[in-house]
Amino acid sequence: MREEVDPDGQLMKTFIKLSSTIEASLPEEIGVEFLLRDINDSNKSPIHKLLNQKLTSVKALSQRLTEIKTYLQNVIMKRISPNPQIINNIQEIFNFLPNFETEEIIKSLSVQTNNDYLILYLSWMIRSIISLHKLLNNKIMIKEEEKKIIEKKNETKEEVKEKNEEIKK
């Protein structure tokens, strides 16, 4: 993570992208592409649903805040008379808002966010490594089976040679 100071003097924290490469043989690459196909299909993932729900919630919140803003502007311009019940509800909303300006909360939120992203990154890496390990085990098993087949063919060829030699005698 890199910390930078923006033109306004605010401290900004950004993630640094680490480049990594994994080389594999052709069958392994095909297997990994097959596994990644499921990951790229975002219409079926629970993460996609969760993000859609959050997006809908943020849009609804934005719409409500716009309505509050319009109401308050109309009250200030004296286009409408203030309703004490509405003003009281708006005041309660602002009283319930947490104070995110304290350094302790900012630090704890950034630590929590970093931890969440670290867990997400590590889980994808572990999942990829396990998939690659399964591919390697499969490749080893196929080679062993091929060796057994070749050995059986060699044994049968030797048996045929022995029978031919017995017949010639």
Foldseek 3Di string as FASTA:
>chain_A
DDWDQDPVRDIDDDDDDDDDDDDDDPVLVVLVVVVCVVVPPLVPDPVNVVVVVVVVVVVVVVVVVVVVVVVVVCCVVVVDPDDPVVVVVVVVVVVPDDDCPDPVNVVVVVVVVVVVVVVVVVVVVVVSVVSSVVVVVVVVVVVVVVVVVVVVVVVVVVVVVVVVVVVVD
